Amino acid sequence: LISFRVSIVIFVHIVFPIAAHIFLFKHSEHFGKTGKHVC
């Protein structure tokens, strides 16, 4: 069974970076900075 702390670490190191990249990608498109966060 995965402990609560391990699930927090997984969330911070996997889910948060993905959400941050999506957030930065949308804002980079909004400001016209294309090509910086391309998959």
PDB file of N, CA and C in Angstrom:
ATOM      1  N   LEU A   1       0.851  -1.204   0.000  1.00  0.00           N
ATOM      2  CA  LEU A   1       0.000   0.000   0.000  1.00  0.00           C
ATOM      3  C   LEU A   1       0.882   1.248   0.000  1.00  0.00           C
ATOM      4  N   ILE A   2       0.568   2.136  -0.915  1.00  0.00           N
ATOM      5  CA  ILE A   2       1.360   3.364  -1.021  1.00  0.00           C
ATOM      6  C   ILE A   2       0.941   4.329   0.088  1.00  0.00           C
ATOM      7  N   SER A   3       1.920   4.848   0.797  1.00  0.00           N
ATOM      8  CA  SER A   3       1.628   5.761   1.900  1.00  0.00           C
ATOM      9  C   SER A   3       1.185   7.121   1.366  1.00  0.00           C
ATOM     10  N   PHE A   4       0.608   7.916   2.257  1.00  0.00           N
ATOM     11  CA  PHE A   4       0.111   9.230   1.861  1.00  0.00           C
ATOM     12  C   PHE A   4       1.259  10.142   1.449  1.00  0.00           C
ATOM     13  N   ARG A   5       2.391  10.024   2.130  1.00  0.00           N
ATOM     14  CA  ARG A   5       3.536  10.885   1.823  1.00  0.00           C
ATOM     15  C   ARG A   5       4.097  10.569   0.441  1.00  0.00           C
ATOM     16  N   VAL A   6       4.133   9.282   0.100  1.00  0.00           N
ATOM     17  CA  VAL A   6       4.640   8.892  -1.218  1.00  0.00           C
ATOM     18  C   VAL A   6       3.710   9.408  -2.306  1.00  0.00           C
ATOM     19  N   SER A   7       2.404   9.347  -2.060  1.00  0.00           N
ATOM     20  CA  SER A   7       1.456   9.857  -3.045  1.00  0.00           C
ATOM     21  C   SER A   7       1.612  11.366  -3.213  1.00  0.00           C
ATOM     22  N   ILE A   8       1.926  12.072  -2.135  1.00  0.00           N
ATOM     23  CA  ILE A   8       2.178  13.516  -2.222  1.00  0.00           C
ATOM     24  C   ILE A   8       3.419  13.783  -3.066  1.00  0.00           C
ATOM     25  N   VAL A   9       4.466  12.993  -2.848  1.00  0.00           N
ATOM     26  CA  VAL A   9       5.706  13.173  -3.612  1.00  0.00           C
ATOM     27  C   VAL A   9       5.464  12.896  -5.090  1.00  0.00           C
ATOM     28  N   ILE A  10       4.699  11.842  -5.377  1.00  0.00           N
ATOM     29  CA  ILE A  10       4.385  11.521  -6.773  1.00  0.00           C
ATOM     30  C   ILE A  10       3.593  12.659  -7.399  1.00  0.00           C
ATOM     31  N   PHE A  11       2.638  13.205  -6.641  1.00  0.00           N
ATOM     32  CA  PHE A  11       1.824  14.299  -7.163  1.00  0.00           C
ATOM     33  C   PHE A  11       2.676  15.527  -7.449  1.00  0.00           C
ATOM     34  N   VAL A  12       3.589  15.851  -6.521  1.00  0.00           N
ATOM     35  CA  VAL A  12       4.403  17.062  -6.673  1.00  0.00           C
ATOM     36  C   VAL A  12       5.393  16.916  -7.822  1.00  0.00           C
ATOM     37  N   HIS A  13       5.936  15.710  -8.007  1.00  0.00           N
ATOM     38  CA  HIS A  13       6.993  15.526  -8.996  1.00  0.00           C
ATOM     39  C   HIS A  13       6.470  15.137 -10.372  1.00  0.00           C
ATOM     40  N   ILE A  14       5.195  14.743 -10.480  1.00  0.00           N
ATOM     41  CA  ILE A  14       4.662  14.309 -11.769  1.00  0.00           C
ATOM     42  C   ILE A  14       3.489  15.182 -12.200  1.00  0.00           C
ATOM     43  N   VAL A  15       2.467  15.267 -11.343  1.00  0.00           N
ATOM     44  CA  VAL A  15       1.248  15.972 -11.737  1.00  0.00           C
ATOM     45  C   VAL A  15       1.481  17.474 -11.799  1.00  0.00           C
ATOM     46  N   PHE A  16       2.173  18.018 -10.806  1.00  0.00           N
ATOM     47  CA  PHE A  16       2.401  19.467 -10.768  1.00  0.00           C
ATOM     48  C   PHE A  16       3.254  19.965 -11.930  1.00  0.00           C
ATOM     49  N   PRO A  17       4.366  19.289 -12.291  1.00  0.00           N
ATOM     50  CA  PRO A  17       5.142  19.743 -13.450  1.00  0.00           C
ATOM     51  C   PRO A  17       4.349  19.708 -14.748  1.00  0.00           C
ATOM     52  N   ILE A  18       3.505  18.683 -14.922  1.00  0.00           N
ATOM     53  CA  ILE A  18       2.694  18.600 -16.140  1.00  0.00           C
ATOM     54  C   ILE A  18       1.710  19.763 -16.182  1.00  0.00           C
ATOM     55  N   ALA A  19       1.057  20.029 -15.048  1.00  0.00           N
ATOM     56  CA  ALA A  19       0.109  21.140 -14.990  1.00  0.00           C
ATOM     57  C   ALA A  19       0.825  22.469 -15.206  1.00  0.00           C
ATOM     58  N   ALA A  20       2.036  22.596 -14.664  1.00  0.00           N
ATOM     59  CA  ALA A  20       2.802  23.830 -14.832  1.00  0.00           C
ATOM     60  C   ALA A  20       3.207  24.021 -16.286  1.00  0.00           C
ATOM     61  N   HIS A  21       3.587  22.929 -16.969  1.00  0.00           N
ATOM     62  CA  HIS A  21       3.959  23.041 -18.376  1.00  0.00           C
ATOM     63  C   HIS A  21       2.758  23.420 -19.229  1.00  0.00           C
ATOM     64  N   ILE A  22       1.593  22.851 -18.920  1.00  0.00           N
ATOM     65  CA  ILE A  22       0.383  23.213 -19.665  1.00  0.00           C
ATOM     66  C   ILE A  22       0.041  24.676 -19.411  1.00  0.00           C
ATOM     67  N   PHE A  23       0.168  25.116 -18.159  1.00  0.00           N
ATOM     68  CA  PHE A  23      -0.134  26.500 -17.803  1.00  0.00           C
ATOM     69  C   PHE A  23       0.812  27.457 -18.517  1.00  0.00           C
ATOM     70  N   LEU A  24       2.116  27.139 -18.510  1.00  0.00           N
ATOM     71  CA  LEU A  24       3.097  27.998 -19.168  1.00  0.00           C
ATOM     72  C   LEU A  24       2.918  27.975 -20.678  1.00  0.00           C
ATOM     73  N   PHE A  25       2.517  26.806 -21.217  1.00  0.00           N
ATOM     74  CA  PHE A  25       2.327  26.704 -22.661  1.00  0.00           C
ATOM     75  C   PHE A  25       1.162  27.581 -23.104  1.00  0.00           C
ATOM     76  N   LYS A  26       0.070  27.576 -22.339  1.00  0.00           N
ATOM     77  CA  LYS A  26      -1.085  28.399 -22.701  1.00  0.00           C
ATOM     78  C   LYS A  26      -0.732  29.879 -22.603  1.00  0.00           C
ATOM     79  N   HIS A  27       0.022  30.260 -21.574  1.00  0.00           N
ATOM     80  CA  HIS A  27       0.387  31.664 -21.425  1.00  0.00           C
ATOM     81  C   HIS A  27       1.424  32.076 -22.461  1.00  0.00           C
ATOM     82  N   SER A  28       2.297  31.141 -22.855  1.00  0.00           N
ATOM     83  CA  SER A  28       3.283  31.471 -23.878  1.00  0.00           C
ATOM     84  C   SER A  28       2.579  31.665 -25.215  1.00  0.00           C
ATOM     85  N   GLU A  29       1.507  30.903 -25.459  1.00  0.00           N
ATOM     86  CA  GLU A  29       0.726  31.120 -26.676  1.00  0.00           C
ATOM     87  C   GLU A  29       0.006  32.454 -26.596  1.00  0.00           C
ATOM     88  N   HIS A  30      -0.474  32.808 -25.405  1.00  0.00           N
ATOM     89  CA  HIS A  30      -1.209  34.057 -25.238  1.00  0.00           C
ATOM     90  C   HIS A  30      -0.298  35.254 -25.486  1.00  0.00           C
ATOM     91  N   PHE A  31       0.956  35.149 -25.055  1.00  0.00           N
ATOM     92  CA  PHE A  31       1.889  36.254 -25.238  1.00  0.00           C
ATOM     93  C   PHE A  31       2.671  36.147 -26.541  1.00  0.00           C
ATOM     94  N   GLY A  32       2.396  35.095 -27.323  1.00  0.00           N
ATOM     95  CA  GLY A  32       3.045  34.969 -28.618  1.00  0.00           C
ATOM     96  C   GLY A  32       4.431  34.371 -28.552  1.00  0.00           C
ATOM     97  N   LYS A  33       4.790  33.751 -27.427  1.00  0.00           N
ATOM     98  CA  LYS A  33       6.112  33.125 -27.322  1.00  0.00           C
ATOM     99  C   LYS A  33       5.998  31.655 -27.728  1.00  0.00           C
ATOM    100  N   THR A  34       5.869  31.416 -29.015  1.00  0.00           N
ATOM    101  CA  THR A  34       5.693  30.045 -29.480  1.00  0.00           C
ATOM    102  C   THR A  34       7.043  29.383 -29.681  1.00  0.00           C
ATOM    103  N   GLY A  35       7.068  28.053 -29.585  1.00  0.00           N
ATOM    104  CA  GLY A  35       8.291  27.300 -29.807  1.00  0.00           C
ATOM    105  C   GLY A  35       9.107  27.081 -28.559  1.00  0.00           C
ATOM    106  N   LYS A  36       8.665  27.624 -27.421  1.00  0.00           N
ATOM    107  CA  LYS A  36       9.443  27.464 -26.194  1.00  0.00           C
ATOM    108  C   LYS A  36       9.042  26.194 -25.448  1.00  0.00           C
ATOM    109  N   HIS A  37       7.745  25.909 -25.413  1.00  0.00           N
ATOM    110  CA  HIS A  37       7.264  24.723 -24.707  1.00  0.00           C
ATOM    111  C   HIS A  37       6.541  23.809 -25.693  1.00  0.00           C
ATOM    112  N   VAL A  38       7.256  23.377 -26.715  1.00  0.00           N
ATOM    113  CA  VAL A  38       6.662  22.476 -27.697  1.00  0.00           C
ATOM    114  C   VAL A  38       6.898  21.043 -27.260  1.00  0.00           C
ATOM    115  N   CYS A  39       5.887  20.220 -27.374  1.00  0.00           N
ATOM    116  CA  CYS A  39       6.004  18.819 -26.943  1.00  0.00           C
ATOM    117  C   CYS A  39       7.058  18.099 -27.782  1.00  0.00           C
TER     118      CYS A  39
END
